[in-house]
């Protein structure tokens, strides 16, 4: 049995790369590309959620930095 290599963490960059690839595939298939819309929507949701988490963490760290400098 072969083992697959772990993909590693999901990052904004990785999700953007997947969306770029998927956009190309959808465009190539024309009207038949609509079958990929659920995947497109899911990737967009995951990207948005990850960006929100990163933004929240940045605000948390900024607050800590301000507090530590007082």
PDB file of N, CA and C in Angstrom:
ATOM      1  N   UNK A   1       0.845  -1.174   0.000  1.00  0.00           N
ATOM      2  CA  UNK A   1       0.000   0.000   0.000  1.00  0.00           C
ATOM      3  C   UNK A   1       0.893   1.240   0.000  1.00  0.00           C
ATOM      4  N   UNK A   2       0.626   2.152  -0.921  1.00  0.00           N
ATOM      5  CA  UNK A   2       1.432   3.368  -0.961  1.00  0.00           C
ATOM      6  C   UNK A   2       0.798   4.434  -0.083  1.00  0.00           C
ATOM      7  N   UNK A   3       1.666   5.199   0.524  1.00  0.00           N
ATOM      8  CA  UNK A   3       1.190   6.285   1.374  1.00  0.00           C
ATOM      9  C   UNK A   3       1.342   7.590   0.612  1.00  0.00           C
ATOM     10  N   UNK A   4       0.360   8.457   0.789  1.00  0.00           N
ATOM     11  CA  UNK A   4       0.452   9.766   0.155  1.00  0.00           C
ATOM     12  C   UNK A   4       1.172  10.719   1.088  1.00  0.00           C
ATOM     13  N   UNK A   5       1.836  11.663   0.486  1.00  0.00           N
ATOM     14  CA  UNK A   5       2.581  12.660   1.244  1.00  0.00           C
ATOM     15  C   UNK A   5       1.603  13.707   1.783  1.00  0.00           C
ATOM     16  N   UNK A   6       1.728  14.087   3.058  1.00  0.00           N
ATOM     17  CA  UNK A   6       0.844  15.122   3.595  1.00  0.00           C
ATOM     18  C   UNK A   6       0.998  16.424   2.813  1.00  0.00           C
ATOM     19  N   UNK A   7      -0.108  17.124   2.636  1.00  0.00           N
ATOM     20  CA  UNK A   7      -0.081  18.367   1.867  1.00  0.00           C
ATOM     21  C   UNK A   7       0.491  19.537   2.645  1.00  0.00           C
ATOM     22  N   UNK A   8       0.472  19.468   3.951  1.00  0.00           N
ATOM     23  CA  UNK A   8       0.933  20.594   4.749  1.00  0.00           C
ATOM     24  C   UNK A   8      -0.219  21.534   5.043  1.00  0.00           C
ATOM     25  N   UNK A   9       0.098  22.648   5.666  1.00  0.00           N
ATOM     26  CA  UNK A   9      -0.966  23.567   6.080  1.00  0.00           C
ATOM     27  C   UNK A   9      -1.627  24.250   4.877  1.00  0.00           C
ATOM     28  N   UNK A  10      -2.904  24.529   5.039  1.00  0.00           N
ATOM     29  CA  UNK A  10      -3.624  25.294   4.023  1.00  0.00           C
ATOM     30  C   UNK A  10      -3.308  26.763   4.252  1.00  0.00           C
ATOM     31  N   UNK A  11      -2.829  27.422   3.224  1.00  0.00           N
ATOM     32  CA  UNK A  11      -2.445  28.825   3.322  1.00  0.00           C
ATOM     33  C   UNK A  11      -3.243  29.648   2.314  1.00  0.00           C
ATOM     34  N   UNK A  12      -3.232  30.965   2.515  1.00  0.00           N
ATOM     35  CA  UNK A  12      -3.872  31.864   1.558  1.00  0.00           C
ATOM     36  C   UNK A  12      -3.267  31.642   0.178  1.00  0.00           C
ATOM     37  N   UNK A  13      -1.959  31.533   0.127  1.00  0.00           N
ATOM     38  CA  UNK A  13      -1.277  31.353  -1.152  1.00  0.00           C
ATOM     39  C   UNK A  13      -1.713  30.065  -1.841  1.00  0.00           C
ATOM     40  N   UNK A  14      -1.838  28.995  -1.081  1.00  0.00           N
ATOM     41  CA  UNK A  14      -2.251  27.714  -1.653  1.00  0.00           C
ATOM     42  C   UNK A  14      -3.688  27.802  -2.180  1.00  0.00           C
ATOM     43  N   UNK A  15      -4.574  28.408  -1.404  1.00  0.00           N
ATOM     44  CA  UNK A  15      -5.961  28.547  -1.848  1.00  0.00           C
ATOM     45  C   UNK A  15      -6.060  29.422  -3.096  1.00  0.00           C
ATOM     46  N   UNK A  16      -5.272  30.494  -3.139  1.00  0.00           N
ATOM     47  CA  UNK A  16      -5.256  31.349  -4.332  1.00  0.00           C
ATOM     48  C   UNK A  16      -4.774  30.555  -5.549  1.00  0.00           C
ATOM     49  N   UNK A  17      -3.762  29.736  -5.346  1.00  0.00           N
ATOM     50  CA  UNK A  17      -3.240  28.907  -6.441  1.00  0.00           C
ATOM     51  C   UNK A  17      -4.307  27.937  -6.937  1.00  0.00           C
ATOM     52  N   UNK A  18      -5.035  27.298  -6.013  1.00  0.00           N
ATOM     53  CA  UNK A  18      -6.102  26.372  -6.396  1.00  0.00           C
ATOM     54  C   UNK A  18      -7.208  27.099  -7.153  1.00  0.00           C
ATOM     55  N   UNK A  19      -7.576  28.294  -6.676  1.00  0.00           N
ATOM     56  CA  UNK A  19      -8.618  29.063  -7.355  1.00  0.00           C
ATOM     57  C   UNK A  19      -8.180  29.464  -8.765  1.00  0.00           C
ATOM     58  N   UNK A  20      -6.928  29.844  -8.916  1.00  0.00           N
ATOM     59  CA  UNK A  20      -6.413  30.190 -10.249  1.00  0.00           C
ATOM     60  C   UNK A  20      -6.487  28.997 -11.191  1.00  0.00           C
ATOM     61  N   UNK A  21      -6.067  27.836 -10.696  1.00  0.00           N
ATOM     62  CA  UNK A  21      -6.109  26.620 -11.507  1.00  0.00           C
ATOM     63  C   UNK A  21      -7.552  26.271 -11.866  1.00  0.00           C
ATOM     64  N   UNK A  22      -8.432  26.343 -10.876  1.00  0.00           N
ATOM     65  CA  UNK A  22      -9.827  25.982 -11.104  1.00  0.00           C
ATOM     66  C   UNK A  22     -10.497  26.951 -12.079  1.00  0.00           C
ATOM     67  N   UNK A  23     -10.179  28.228 -11.993  1.00  0.00           N
ATOM     68  CA  UNK A  23     -10.730  29.208 -12.934  1.00  0.00           C
ATOM     69  C   UNK A  23     -10.348  28.831 -14.365  1.00  0.00           C
ATOM     70  N   UNK A  24      -9.109  28.430 -14.543  1.00  0.00           N
ATOM     71  CA  UNK A  24      -8.636  28.008 -15.865  1.00  0.00           C
ATOM     72  C   UNK A  24      -9.416  26.784 -16.348  1.00  0.00           C
ATOM     73  N   UNK A  25      -9.590  25.811 -15.470  1.00  0.00           N
ATOM     74  CA  UNK A  25     -10.304  24.584 -15.836  1.00  0.00           C
ATOM     75  C   UNK A  25     -11.766  24.867 -16.167  1.00  0.00           C
ATOM     76  N   UNK A  26     -12.407  25.724 -15.397  1.00  0.00           N
ATOM     77  CA  UNK A  26     -13.806  26.081 -15.664  1.00  0.00           C
ATOM     78  C   UNK A  26     -13.911  26.762 -17.020  1.00  0.00           C
ATOM     79  N   UNK A  27     -13.014  27.690 -17.272  1.00  0.00           N
ATOM     80  CA  UNK A  27     -13.025  28.422 -18.539  1.00  0.00           C
ATOM     81  C   UNK A  27     -12.801  27.481 -19.724  1.00  0.00           C
ATOM     82  N   UNK A  28     -11.889  26.542 -19.593  1.00  0.00           N
ATOM     83  CA  UNK A  28     -11.619  25.582 -20.672  1.00  0.00           C
ATOM     84  C   UNK A  28     -12.849  24.759 -21.033  1.00  0.00           C
ATOM     85  N   UNK A  29     -13.658  24.453 -20.047  1.00  0.00           N
ATOM     86  CA  UNK A  29     -14.806  23.581 -20.258  1.00  0.00           C
ATOM     87  C   UNK A  29     -16.081  24.323 -20.664  1.00  0.00           C
ATOM     88  N   UNK A  30     -16.024  25.644 -20.664  1.00  0.00           N
ATOM     89  CA  UNK A  30     -17.201  26.411 -21.064  1.00  0.00           C
ATOM     90  C   UNK A  30     -18.389  26.109 -20.165  1.00  0.00           C
ATOM     91  N   UNK A  31     -19.537  25.870 -20.778  1.00  0.00           N
ATOM     92  CA  UNK A  31     -20.762  25.609 -20.004  1.00  0.00           C
ATOM     93  C   UNK A  31     -20.642  24.351 -19.144  1.00  0.00           C
ATOM     94  N   UNK A  32     -19.850  23.401 -19.567  1.00  0.00           N
ATOM     95  CA  UNK A  32     -19.671  22.183 -18.773  1.00  0.00           C
ATOM     96  C   UNK A  32     -18.880  22.459 -17.499  1.00  0.00           C
ATOM     97  N   UNK A  33     -18.195  23.593 -17.454  1.00  0.00           N
ATOM     98  CA  UNK A  33     -17.415  23.963 -16.275  1.00  0.00           C
ATOM     99  C   UNK A  33     -18.254  24.248 -15.047  1.00  0.00           C
ATOM    100  N   UNK A  34     -19.564  24.416 -15.247  1.00  0.00           N
ATOM    101  CA  UNK A  34     -20.426  24.715 -14.096  1.00  0.00           C
ATOM    102  C   UNK A  34     -20.412  23.592 -13.063  1.00  0.00           C
ATOM    103  N   UNK A  35     -20.019  22.395 -13.463  1.00  0.00           N
ATOM    104  CA  UNK A  35     -19.962  21.296 -12.497  1.00  0.00           C
ATOM    105  C   UNK A  35     -18.940  21.577 -11.397  1.00  0.00           C
ATOM    106  N   UNK A  36     -18.001  22.488 -11.663  1.00  0.00           N
ATOM    107  CA  UNK A  36     -16.982  22.833 -10.676  1.00  0.00           C
ATOM    108  C   UNK A  36     -17.399  23.971  -9.753  1.00  0.00           C
ATOM    109  N   UNK A  37     -18.568  24.578  -9.982  1.00  0.00           N
ATOM    110  CA  UNK A  37     -18.987  25.715  -9.170  1.00  0.00           C
ATOM    111  C   UNK A  37     -19.051  25.411  -7.671  1.00  0.00           C
ATOM    112  N   UNK A  38     -19.556  24.240  -7.249  1.00  0.00           N
ATOM    113  CA  UNK A  38     -19.559  23.966  -5.803  1.00  0.00           C
ATOM    114  C   UNK A  38     -18.149  23.966  -5.203  1.00  0.00           C
ATOM    115  N   UNK A  39     -17.195  23.426  -5.930  1.00  0.00           N
ATOM    116  CA  UNK A  39     -15.812  23.431  -5.457  1.00  0.00           C
ATOM    117  C   UNK A  39     -15.281  24.860  -5.408  1.00  0.00           C
ATOM    118  N   UNK A  40     -15.572  25.649  -6.439  1.00  0.00           N
ATOM    119  CA  UNK A  40     -15.161  27.057  -6.478  1.00  0.00           C
ATOM    120  C   UNK A  40     -15.692  27.800  -5.249  1.00  0.00           C
ATOM    121  N   UNK A  41     -16.985  27.622  -4.985  1.00  0.00           N
ATOM    122  CA  UNK A  41     -17.608  28.314  -3.852  1.00  0.00           C
ATOM    123  C   UNK A  41     -16.989  27.874  -2.528  1.00  0.00           C
ATOM    124  N   UNK A  42     -16.697  26.598  -2.404  1.00  0.00           N
ATOM    125  CA  UNK A  42     -16.082  26.100  -1.168  1.00  0.00           C
ATOM    126  C   UNK A  42     -14.691  26.690  -0.972  1.00  0.00           C
ATOM    127  N   UNK A  43     -13.896  26.726  -2.030  1.00  0.00           N
ATOM    128  CA  UNK A  43     -12.556  27.304  -1.928  1.00  0.00           C
ATOM    129  C   UNK A  43     -12.624  28.786  -1.571  1.00  0.00           C
ATOM    130  N   UNK A  44     -13.581  29.509  -2.167  1.00  0.00           N
ATOM    131  CA  UNK A  44     -13.747  30.921  -1.822  1.00  0.00           C
ATOM    132  C   UNK A  44     -14.114  31.093  -0.348  1.00  0.00           C
ATOM    133  N   UNK A  45     -14.984  30.235   0.155  1.00  0.00           N
ATOM    134  CA  UNK A  45     -15.368  30.293   1.571  1.00  0.00           C
ATOM    135  C   UNK A  45     -14.173  30.017   2.473  1.00  0.00           C
ATOM    136  N   UNK A  46     -13.401  29.010   2.129  1.00  0.00           N
ATOM    137  CA  UNK A  46     -12.226  28.668   2.929  1.00  0.00           C
ATOM    138  C   UNK A  46     -11.212  29.807   2.909  1.00  0.00           C
ATOM    139  N   UNK A  47     -11.015  30.419   1.753  1.00  0.00           N
ATOM    140  CA  UNK A  47     -10.089  31.540   1.636  1.00  0.00           C
ATOM    141  C   UNK A  47     -10.553  32.710   2.496  1.00  0.00           C
ATOM    142  N   UNK A  48     -11.823  33.029   2.419  1.00  0.00           N
ATOM    143  CA  UNK A  48     -12.372  34.132   3.206  1.00  0.00           C
ATOM    144  C   UNK A  48     -12.217  33.865   4.701  1.00  0.00           C
ATOM    145  N   UNK A  49     -12.532  32.655   5.133  1.00  0.00           N
ATOM    146  CA  UNK A  49     -12.416  32.306   6.551  1.00  0.00           C
ATOM    147  C   UNK A  49     -10.970  32.398   7.022  1.00  0.00           C
ATOM    148  N   UNK A  50     -10.044  31.936   6.211  1.00  0.00           N
ATOM    149  CA  UNK A  50      -8.631  31.995   6.575  1.00  0.00           C
ATOM    150  C   UNK A  50      -8.152  33.442   6.655  1.00  0.00           C
ATOM    151  N   UNK A  51      -8.574  34.271   5.709  1.00  0.00           N
ATOM    152  CA  UNK A  51      -8.191  35.683   5.732  1.00  0.00           C
ATOM    153  C   UNK A  51      -8.759  36.383   6.964  1.00  0.00           C
ATOM    154  N   UNK A  52      -9.980  36.046   7.345  1.00  0.00           N
ATOM    155  CA  UNK A  52     -10.583  36.627   8.548  1.00  0.00           C
ATOM    156  C   UNK A  52      -9.791  36.217   9.780  1.00  0.00           C
ATOM    157  N   UNK A  53      -9.429  34.938   9.875  1.00  0.00           N
ATOM    158  CA  UNK A  53      -8.639  34.465  11.026  1.00  0.00           C
ATOM    159  C   UNK A  53      -7.294  35.176  11.095  1.00  0.00           C
ATOM    160  N   UNK A  54      -6.646  35.323   9.945  1.00  0.00           N
ATOM    161  CA  UNK A  54      -5.344  35.993   9.931  1.00  0.00           C
ATOM    162  C   UNK A  54      -5.476  37.461  10.314  1.00  0.00           C
ATOM    163  N   UNK A  55      -6.524  38.113   9.841  1.00  0.00           N
ATOM    164  CA  UNK A  55      -6.755  39.516  10.179  1.00  0.00           C
ATOM    165  C   UNK A  55      -7.026  39.673  11.676  1.00  0.00           C
ATOM    166  N   UNK A  56      -7.819  38.774  12.226  1.00  0.00           N
ATOM    167  CA  UNK A  56      -8.107  38.821  13.661  1.00  0.00           C
ATOM    168  C   UNK A  56      -6.833  38.633  14.468  1.00  0.00           C
ATOM    169  N   UNK A  57      -6.004  37.676  14.083  1.00  0.00           N
ATOM    170  CA  UNK A  57      -4.757  37.443  14.805  1.00  0.00           C
ATOM    171  C   UNK A  57      -3.842  38.657  14.703  1.00  0.00           C
ATOM    172  N   UNK A  58      -3.819  39.308  13.563  1.00  0.00           N
ATOM    173  CA  UNK A  58      -2.996  40.513  13.405  1.00  0.00           C
ATOM    174  C   UNK A  58      -3.475  41.614  14.347  1.00  0.00           C
ATOM    175  N   UNK A  59      -4.790  41.765  14.492  1.00  0.00           N
ATOM    176  CA  UNK A  59      -5.323  42.775  15.412  1.00  0.00           C
ATOM    177  C   UNK A  59      -5.006  42.428  16.861  1.00  0.00           C
ATOM    178  N   UNK A  60      -5.081  41.152  17.203  1.00  0.00           N
ATOM    179  CA  UNK A  60      -4.734  40.711  18.559  1.00  0.00           C
ATOM    180  C   UNK A  60      -3.278  41.052  18.854  1.00  0.00           C
ATOM    181  N   UNK A  61      -2.408  40.716  17.930  1.00  0.00           N
ATOM    182  CA  UNK A  61      -0.975  40.979  18.136  1.00  0.00           C
ATOM    183  C   UNK A  61      -0.681  42.474  18.193  1.00  0.00           C
ATOM    184  N   UNK A  62      -1.380  43.257  17.383  1.00  0.00           N
ATOM    185  CA  UNK A  62      -1.189  44.708  17.412  1.00  0.00           C
ATOM    186  C   UNK A  62      -1.596  45.268  18.771  1.00  0.00           C
ATOM    187  N   UNK A  63      -2.696  44.771  19.313  1.00  0.00           N
ATOM    188  CA  UNK A  63      -3.138  45.223  20.628  1.00  0.00           C
ATOM    189  C   UNK A  63      -2.108  44.846  21.685  1.00  0.00           C
ATOM    190  N   UNK A  64      -1.579  43.643  21.605  1.00  0.00           N
ATOM    191  CA  UNK A  64      -0.564  43.227  22.576  1.00  0.00           C
ATOM    192  C   UNK A  64       0.676  44.098  22.474  1.00  0.00           C
ATOM    193  N   UNK A  65       1.088  44.420  21.259  1.00  0.00           N
ATOM    194  CA  UNK A  65       2.261  45.276  21.070  1.00  0.00           C
ATOM    195  C   UNK A  65       2.025  46.662  21.641  1.00  0.00           C
ATOM    196  N   UNK A  66       0.823  47.199  21.452  1.00  0.00           N
ATOM    197  CA  UNK A  66       0.494  48.522  22.010  1.00  0.00           C
ATOM    198  C   UNK A  66       0.494  48.469  23.530  1.00  0.00           C
ATOM    199  N   UNK A  67      -0.071  47.418  24.077  1.00  0.00           N
ATOM    200  CA  UNK A  67      -0.153  47.272  25.529  1.00  0.00           C
ATOM    201  C   UNK A  67       1.236  47.130  26.139  1.00  0.00           C
ATOM    202  N   UNK A  68       2.088  46.386  25.471  1.00  0.00           N
ATOM    203  CA  UNK A  68       3.437  46.169  25.996  1.00  0.00           C
ATOM    204  C   UNK A  68       4.300  47.416  25.909  1.00  0.00           C
ATOM    205  N   UNK A  69       3.940  48.355  25.043  1.00  0.00           N
ATOM    206  CA  UNK A  69       4.749  49.566  24.914  1.00  0.00           C
ATOM    207  C   UNK A  69       4.287  50.676  25.857  1.00  0.00           C
ATOM    208  N   UNK A  70       3.216  50.444  26.594  1.00  0.00           N
ATOM    209  CA  UNK A  70       2.710  51.463  27.536  1.00  0.00           C
ATOM    210  C   UNK A  70       3.469  51.378  28.840  1.00  0.00           C
TER     211      UNK A  70
END
